[in-house]
């Protein structure tokens, strides 16, 4: 089973998203996301 942890930091005009694996290694990072409802 794959476990992933998602971190979302909300800013005034955008958000940043990081995805970590079970060991805490970053496997994906979106530096600027203007619309959280829209898939990247």
PDB file of N, CA and C in Angstrom:
ATOM      1  N   UNK A   1       0.835  -1.175   0.000  1.00  0.00           N
ATOM      2  CA  UNK A   1       0.000   0.000   0.000  1.00  0.00           C
ATOM      3  C   UNK A   1       0.888   1.249   0.000  1.00  0.00           C
ATOM      4  N   UNK A   2       0.579   2.192  -0.849  1.00  0.00           N
ATOM      5  CA  UNK A   2       1.333   3.440  -0.940  1.00  0.00           C
ATOM      6  C   UNK A   2       0.666   4.482  -0.062  1.00  0.00           C
ATOM      7  N   UNK A   3       1.457   5.084   0.828  1.00  0.00           N
ATOM      8  CA  UNK A   3       0.936   6.161   1.669  1.00  0.00           C
ATOM      9  C   UNK A   3       1.612   7.458   1.261  1.00  0.00           C
ATOM     10  N   UNK A   4       0.813   8.486   1.036  1.00  0.00           N
ATOM     11  CA  UNK A   4       1.334   9.793   0.682  1.00  0.00           C
ATOM     12  C   UNK A   4       0.713  10.834   1.587  1.00  0.00           C
ATOM     13  N   UNK A   5       1.480  11.867   1.867  1.00  0.00           N
ATOM     14  CA  UNK A   5       1.024  12.958   2.705  1.00  0.00           C
ATOM     15  C   UNK A   5       1.057  14.234   1.880  1.00  0.00           C
ATOM     16  N   UNK A   6      -0.016  14.991   1.928  1.00  0.00           N
ATOM     17  CA  UNK A   6      -0.130  16.219   1.152  1.00  0.00           C
ATOM     18  C   UNK A   6      -0.112  17.412   2.099  1.00  0.00           C
ATOM     19  N   UNK A   7       0.725  18.385   1.769  1.00  0.00           N
ATOM     20  CA  UNK A   7       0.778  19.618   2.543  1.00  0.00           C
ATOM     21  C   UNK A   7       0.375  20.784   1.649  1.00  0.00           C
ATOM     22  N   UNK A   8      -0.563  21.564   2.098  1.00  0.00           N
ATOM     23  CA  UNK A   8      -1.019  22.725   1.337  1.00  0.00           C
ATOM     24  C   UNK A   8      -0.819  23.965   2.194  1.00  0.00           C
ATOM     25  N   UNK A   9      -0.035  24.902   1.679  1.00  0.00           N
ATOM     26  CA  UNK A   9       0.170  26.188   2.345  1.00  0.00           C
ATOM     27  C   UNK A   9      -0.628  27.232   1.588  1.00  0.00           C
ATOM     28  N   UNK A  10      -1.569  27.835   2.275  1.00  0.00           N
ATOM     29  CA  UNK A  10      -2.420  28.862   1.661  1.00  0.00           C
ATOM     30  C   UNK A  10      -1.776  30.224   1.844  1.00  0.00           C
ATOM     31  N   UNK A  11      -1.673  30.974   0.767  1.00  0.00           N
ATOM     32  CA  UNK A  11      -1.186  32.340   0.791  1.00  0.00           C
ATOM     33  C   UNK A  11      -2.327  33.248   0.343  1.00  0.00           C
ATOM     34  N   UNK A  12      -2.086  34.524   0.272  1.00  0.00           N
ATOM     35  CA  UNK A  12      -3.159  35.457  -0.057  1.00  0.00           C
ATOM     36  C   UNK A  12      -3.698  35.237  -1.475  1.00  0.00           C
ATOM     37  N   UNK A  13      -2.814  35.053  -2.464  1.00  0.00           N
ATOM     38  CA  UNK A  13      -3.252  34.944  -3.858  1.00  0.00           C
ATOM     39  C   UNK A  13      -3.023  33.565  -4.475  1.00  0.00           C
ATOM     40  N   UNK A  14      -2.305  32.691  -3.788  1.00  0.00           N
ATOM     41  CA  UNK A  14      -2.005  31.369  -4.342  1.00  0.00           C
ATOM     42  C   UNK A  14      -1.725  30.388  -3.212  1.00  0.00           C
ATOM     43  N   UNK A  15      -1.548  29.132  -3.571  1.00  0.00           N
ATOM     44  CA  UNK A  15      -1.206  28.080  -2.613  1.00  0.00           C
ATOM     45  C   UNK A  15       0.015  27.328  -3.123  1.00  0.00           C
ATOM     46  N   UNK A  16       0.750  26.709  -2.220  1.00  0.00           N
ATOM     47  CA  UNK A  16       1.820  25.792  -2.598  1.00  0.00           C
ATOM     48  C   UNK A  16       1.449  24.407  -2.081  1.00  0.00           C
ATOM     49  N   UNK A  17       1.783  23.385  -2.865  1.00  0.00           N
ATOM     50  CA  UNK A  17       1.400  22.010  -2.527  1.00  0.00           C
ATOM     51  C   UNK A  17       2.648  21.135  -2.555  1.00  0.00           C
ATOM     52  N   UNK A  18       2.843  20.349  -1.499  1.00  0.00           N
ATOM     53  CA  UNK A  18       3.932  19.374  -1.472  1.00  0.00           C
ATOM     54  C   UNK A  18       3.356  18.001  -1.151  1.00  0.00           C
ATOM     55  N   UNK A  19       3.917  16.987  -1.797  1.00  0.00           N
ATOM     56  CA  UNK A  19       3.491  15.604  -1.583  1.00  0.00           C
ATOM     57  C   UNK A  19       4.699  14.828  -1.087  1.00  0.00           C
ATOM     58  N   UNK A  20       4.546  14.190   0.086  1.00  0.00           N
ATOM     59  CA  UNK A  20       5.629  13.433   0.703  1.00  0.00           C
ATOM     60  C   UNK A  20       5.274  11.952   0.736  1.00  0.00           C
ATOM     61  N   UNK A  21       6.300  11.093   0.610  1.00  0.00           N
ATOM     62  CA  UNK A  21       6.055   9.666   0.753  1.00  0.00           C
ATOM     63  C   UNK A  21       6.122   9.286   2.229  1.00  0.00           C
ATOM     64  N   UNK A  22       6.049   8.005   2.515  1.00  0.00           N
ATOM     65  CA  UNK A  22       5.974   7.532   3.896  1.00  0.00           C
ATOM     66  C   UNK A  22       7.237   7.850   4.697  1.00  0.00           C
ATOM     67  N   UNK A  23       8.401   7.907   4.026  1.00  0.00           N
ATOM     68  CA  UNK A  23       9.644   8.227   4.718  1.00  0.00           C
ATOM     69  C   UNK A  23       9.849   9.729   4.894  1.00  0.00           C
ATOM     70  N   UNK A  24       8.985  10.549   4.304  1.00  0.00           N
ATOM     71  CA  UNK A  24       9.109  11.997   4.416  1.00  0.00           C
ATOM     72  C   UNK A  24       9.854  12.644   3.272  1.00  0.00           C
ATOM     73  N   UNK A  25      10.179  11.864   2.222  1.00  0.00           N
ATOM     74  CA  UNK A  25      10.856  12.423   1.054  1.00  0.00           C
ATOM     75  C   UNK A  25       9.830  13.100   0.150  1.00  0.00           C
ATOM     76  N   UNK A  26      10.189  14.264  -0.353  1.00  0.00           N
ATOM     77  CA  UNK A  26       9.280  14.999  -1.228  1.00  0.00           C
ATOM     78  C   UNK A  26       9.270  14.355  -2.614  1.00  0.00           C
ATOM     79  N   UNK A  27       8.075  13.966  -3.094  1.00  0.00           N
ATOM     80  CA  UNK A  27       7.971  13.327  -4.403  1.00  0.00           C
ATOM     81  C   UNK A  27       7.303  14.223  -5.436  1.00  0.00           C
ATOM     82  N   UNK A  28       6.656  15.300  -4.990  1.00  0.00           N
ATOM     83  CA  UNK A  28       6.056  16.265  -5.916  1.00  0.00           C
ATOM     84  C   UNK A  28       5.927  17.606  -5.202  1.00  0.00           C
ATOM     85  N   UNK A  29       6.089  18.685  -5.971  1.00  0.00           N
ATOM     86  CA  UNK A  29       5.956  20.024  -5.401  1.00  0.00           C
ATOM     87  C   UNK A  29       5.395  20.956  -6.464  1.00  0.00           C
ATOM     88  N   UNK A  30       4.317  21.625  -6.143  1.00  0.00           N
ATOM     89  CA  UNK A  30       3.720  22.644  -7.013  1.00  0.00           C
ATOM     90  C   UNK A  30       3.969  23.986  -6.348  1.00  0.00           C
ATOM     91  N   UNK A  31       4.818  24.817  -6.953  1.00  0.00           N
ATOM     92  CA  UNK A  31       5.220  26.052  -6.287  1.00  0.00           C
ATOM     93  C   UNK A  31       4.115  27.101  -6.264  1.00  0.00           C
ATOM     94  N   UNK A  32       3.314  27.189  -7.309  1.00  0.00           N
ATOM     95  CA  UNK A  32       2.218  28.168  -7.335  1.00  0.00           C
ATOM     96  C   UNK A  32       0.977  27.492  -7.914  1.00  0.00           C
ATOM     97  N   UNK A  33      -0.091  27.506  -7.143  1.00  0.00           N
ATOM     98  CA  UNK A  33      -1.375  26.978  -7.590  1.00  0.00           C
ATOM     99  C   UNK A  33      -2.419  28.061  -7.288  1.00  0.00           C
ATOM    100  N   UNK A  34      -2.991  28.649  -8.347  1.00  0.00           N
ATOM    101  CA  UNK A  34      -3.947  29.731  -8.174  1.00  0.00           C
ATOM    102  C   UNK A  34      -5.352  29.225  -7.902  1.00  0.00           C
ATOM    103  N   UNK A  35      -5.690  28.028  -8.387  1.00  0.00           N
ATOM    104  CA  UNK A  35      -7.049  27.505  -8.250  1.00  0.00           C
ATOM    105  C   UNK A  35      -6.962  26.073  -7.730  1.00  0.00           C
ATOM    106  N   UNK A  36      -7.331  25.836  -6.471  1.00  0.00           N
ATOM    107  CA  UNK A  36      -7.246  24.496  -5.896  1.00  0.00           C
ATOM    108  C   UNK A  36      -8.300  23.530  -6.447  1.00  0.00           C
ATOM    109  N   UNK A  37      -9.362  24.050  -7.033  1.00  0.00           N
ATOM    110  CA  UNK A  37     -10.398  23.182  -7.597  1.00  0.00           C
ATOM    111  C   UNK A  37      -9.999  22.614  -8.945  1.00  0.00           C
ATOM    112  N   UNK A  38      -9.039  23.247  -9.613  1.00  0.00           N
ATOM    113  CA  UNK A  38      -8.596  22.831 -10.943  1.00  0.00           C
ATOM    114  C   UNK A  38      -7.413  21.857 -10.799  1.00  0.00           C
ATOM    115  N   UNK A  39      -7.477  20.686 -11.452  1.00  0.00           N
ATOM    116  CA  UNK A  39      -6.344  19.751 -11.349  1.00  0.00           C
ATOM    117  C   UNK A  39      -5.109  20.324 -12.034  1.00  0.00           C
ATOM    118  N   UNK A  40      -3.925  20.051 -11.467  1.00  0.00           N
ATOM    119  CA  UNK A  40      -2.690  20.526 -12.066  1.00  0.00           C
ATOM    120  C   UNK A  40      -2.237  19.519 -13.022  1.00  0.00           C
TER     121      UNK A  40
END
